[in-house]
Amino acid sequence: MKLKYEQTLPNTNMPIVIIGAGGIVNDAHLPAYRQAGFEVYGITNRTKERARKLAKKFDIPRVFDTVEDAVAQAPENAIYDLTLMPSQFVDTLKKLPDGAPVLIQKPLGDYYEQTMEIIEVCKQKKLVAAVNCQLRFAPFINAARGIIDSGAVGELYDMEVRVTVYTPWEIFPNVMYHPRLEIQQHSIHHIDLVRSFLGNPTSIMAKTVRHPAKKMSSTRTNVIFEYGDAMRALVSTNHDHNFGRQHQESYVKWEGTKGSIYARMGLLMDYPEGQPDLFEYCILEEDKAPEWKTVEIPGSWFPDAFIGTMSSLMRFVEGSSDLLETSIDDLLNTMLVVEAAYASSDAGGVKPDYPNVG
């Protein structure tokens, strides 16, 4: 079976103006854009020295003093890449040219009211806005989607995302003590991934909890998605497994009536060093024992998936695609599932009717 895992690139050159110079820009955005051959026109950051360092490292020709300067000097066909914290989105979006294309870092707000404020600004300014929920573009996800879309695994009836790792949150000081840490900052990727395959769930059951010896708000989560009586879909994460690599795991698994796919997300294991990805699939054949086949998929979540989110926006703007896959309208539904997960976690489950033994 020939697998398609490459990102589809735009036909035209669209210069990128990056607003923000944090670690994710260094680790993922700029390596991805260099790999894809995208032109980074310039960069700006509140602390200019950080922007200068990235400009030197990645041969970016311009460092702007402010967002206003970046907008004033940007070409008319520029795409803006916002890599800021959600609390900075609204003010920054207001400074962009009306109708401009913009890729906004996830999450699309820290809470529902902020999400709606961000969307309202985008609508008022007629921005062509997408959100950088990039896991759905990882090469191993592209490969799985191609197999599933071909019908080779039959009718999907099960999708599971499981993460049991140790995450050193101290390397993310901007979010380490966020009041909505695990789902809002991490499991949102997995929630968005499930939605990208199965659509919007009719309801959510969830519980997110903290570690008793840590000050973070939450580090482990279970989310169960309701898609009727034949589909099981869940996300289960544990970032506190600090017991070596032997029993760490990080994978997405799909099962269908004719086959199954398993994709190991090595990035999250032994983070930030990471482990190799693994892609396997099994297609049932009559009168034959099930056989798993392993395929080496070039690339990984970081940085390759970041090519996908930017390419999708560029292709929509140039007209070679009529689908903006991570549009703010689509990502609003991901944010609503996140909100439902927190509401479910806060409400608790159904209490058993224990007998009153007295």
Foldseek 3Di string as FASTA:
>chain_A
DDFDQAFDFAPDAAEEEEEAQDPCCVFAVLVQCVVVVHHHQEYEYCPQVSRVVVCVVRVHPYYDDDLLRCQVPHDPRHEYEYPDDLVCQLVSLLSHAQQHEYEAEDDCDPALVSNVSNVVSCVVSVYQYFYPLQPCSWRLNSRVVVCVVVCQQPAWAEKEWEFAAADPCVVVVVQQAPLLRDVRPPVLSVLLNCCLPQNFAPAKAKAFCPDPVDNHNGAWMKIWGHDDDRHTYIYTYHNHNPPDQPPTFTWMKIHGPFKIKIWTQQCRHPPPVGDDIWIWMWGDDPPDDIDIDTDDGPGHSGHNSSSNLVRLSSCCVVVVDVDNPRTSVSSSSSSVNSVSNVVNNVVDDDDDPDDDDD
